[in-house]
Amino acid sequence: MENKYICQCGMYTYHCECLPSTHSPYYDDLLHRLNHAQEAIIGEDDITTVLRLMPKGKETRLVLHPVQNGFYSAQFVRDSILHK
């Protein structure tokens, strides 16, 4: 499996900072929104990364609803919410 990287390079310098795409601010923000019961729209490529990064445990599930053209409405649902 190929590791993807996201890089930010300085405009007037020859310095770039690269992070694995799974630890980018994009995924940090996405996981924060999903952890706080907010819905997010994600693409097919993001699903496997979200599954790897989501909280481990049987009480959290990723619920996906197709939106269009390979994009999904995603939300973390806790078992305590499911069993009410």
Protein backbone atom coordinates (compact mmCIF):
# COMPACT_ATOMS: atom_id res chain seq x y z
CA MET A 1 0.00 0.00 0.00
CA GLU A 2 1.35 3.39 -0.97
CA ASN A 3 1.66 6.09 1.69
CA LYS A 4 0.29 9.45 0.60
CA TYR A 5 1.86 12.65 1.86
CA ILE A 6 0.58 16.20 2.04
CA CYS A 7 3.29 18.84 1.80
CA GLN A 8 3.34 22.55 2.52
CA CYS A 9 6.22 24.51 1.08
CA GLY A 10 7.31 28.00 2.00
CA MET A 11 6.74 30.58 -0.70
CA TYR A 12 10.17 32.21 -0.44
CA THR A 13 12.14 29.32 1.06
CA TYR A 14 13.31 25.94 -0.08
CA HIS A 15 11.80 24.28 2.97
CA CYS A 16 8.82 21.94 2.83
CA GLU A 17 7.00 20.17 5.62
CA CYS A 18 5.42 16.87 4.71
CA LEU A 19 3.09 14.77 6.83
CA PRO A 20 1.48 11.43 6.09
CA SER A 21 -1.99 12.19 4.76
CA THR A 22 -3.49 10.26 7.67
CA HIS A 23 -2.03 12.82 10.09
CA SER A 24 -2.85 15.94 8.15
CA PRO A 25 -4.90 18.81 9.57
CA TYR A 26 -7.68 17.75 7.18
CA TYR A 27 -8.09 14.37 8.88
CA ASP A 28 -7.63 15.87 12.34
CA ASP A 29 -10.50 18.26 11.65
CA LEU A 30 -12.63 15.55 10.07
CA LEU A 31 -12.18 13.19 13.04
CA HIS A 32 -12.92 16.04 15.45
CA ARG A 33 -16.22 16.75 13.66
CA LEU A 34 -17.17 13.08 13.53
CA ASN A 35 -16.29 12.56 17.21
CA HIS A 36 -18.57 15.42 18.22
CA ALA A 37 -21.65 13.94 16.50
CA GLN A 38 -21.49 16.15 13.46
CA GLU A 39 -22.13 14.93 9.96
CA ALA A 40 -19.36 15.23 7.38
CA ILE A 41 -19.22 14.59 3.64
CA ILE A 42 -16.34 12.31 2.68
CA GLY A 43 -15.15 10.74 -0.56
CA GLU A 44 -14.55 7.08 -1.31
CA ASP A 45 -10.80 7.54 -0.83
CA ASP A 46 -11.30 8.88 2.70
CA ILE A 47 -13.38 5.96 3.99
CA THR A 48 -10.47 3.56 4.57
CA THR A 49 -8.43 6.26 6.32
CA VAL A 50 -11.35 7.22 8.58
CA LEU A 51 -11.90 3.55 9.44
CA ARG A 52 -8.23 3.20 10.42
CA LEU A 53 -8.20 6.39 12.49
CA MET A 54 -11.60 6.13 14.17
CA PRO A 55 -11.77 5.32 17.89
CA LYS A 56 -11.16 1.64 18.51
CA GLY A 57 -13.87 -0.18 20.39
CA LYS A 58 -17.17 -1.83 19.82
CA GLU A 59 -19.17 1.18 20.97
CA THR A 60 -18.36 3.41 17.96
CA ARG A 61 -19.63 2.82 14.43
CA LEU A 62 -19.21 4.71 11.18
CA VAL A 63 -22.56 5.24 9.47
CA LEU A 64 -22.43 6.12 5.76
CA HIS A 65 -25.25 7.35 3.53
CA PRO A 66 -24.57 7.77 -0.21
CA VAL A 67 -24.88 11.37 -1.38
CA GLN A 68 -23.73 11.32 -5.02
CA ASN A 69 -20.82 10.44 -7.30
CA GLY A 70 -18.75 8.53 -4.73
CA PHE A 71 -19.36 10.88 -1.81
CA TYR A 72 -20.98 9.87 1.44
CA SER A 73 -22.55 11.53 4.43
CA ALA A 74 -20.59 10.12 7.38
CA GLN A 75 -21.21 10.15 11.10
CA PHE A 76 -19.85 8.31 14.14
CA VAL A 77 -22.63 6.72 16.15
CA ARG A 78 -22.10 5.42 19.67
CA ASP A 79 -23.84 2.20 20.75
CA SER A 80 -25.43 4.08 23.65
CA ILE A 81 -27.26 6.19 21.06
CA LEU A 82 -28.22 3.12 18.99
CA HIS A 83 -29.80 1.31 21.95
CA LYS A 84 -32.06 4.11 23.17
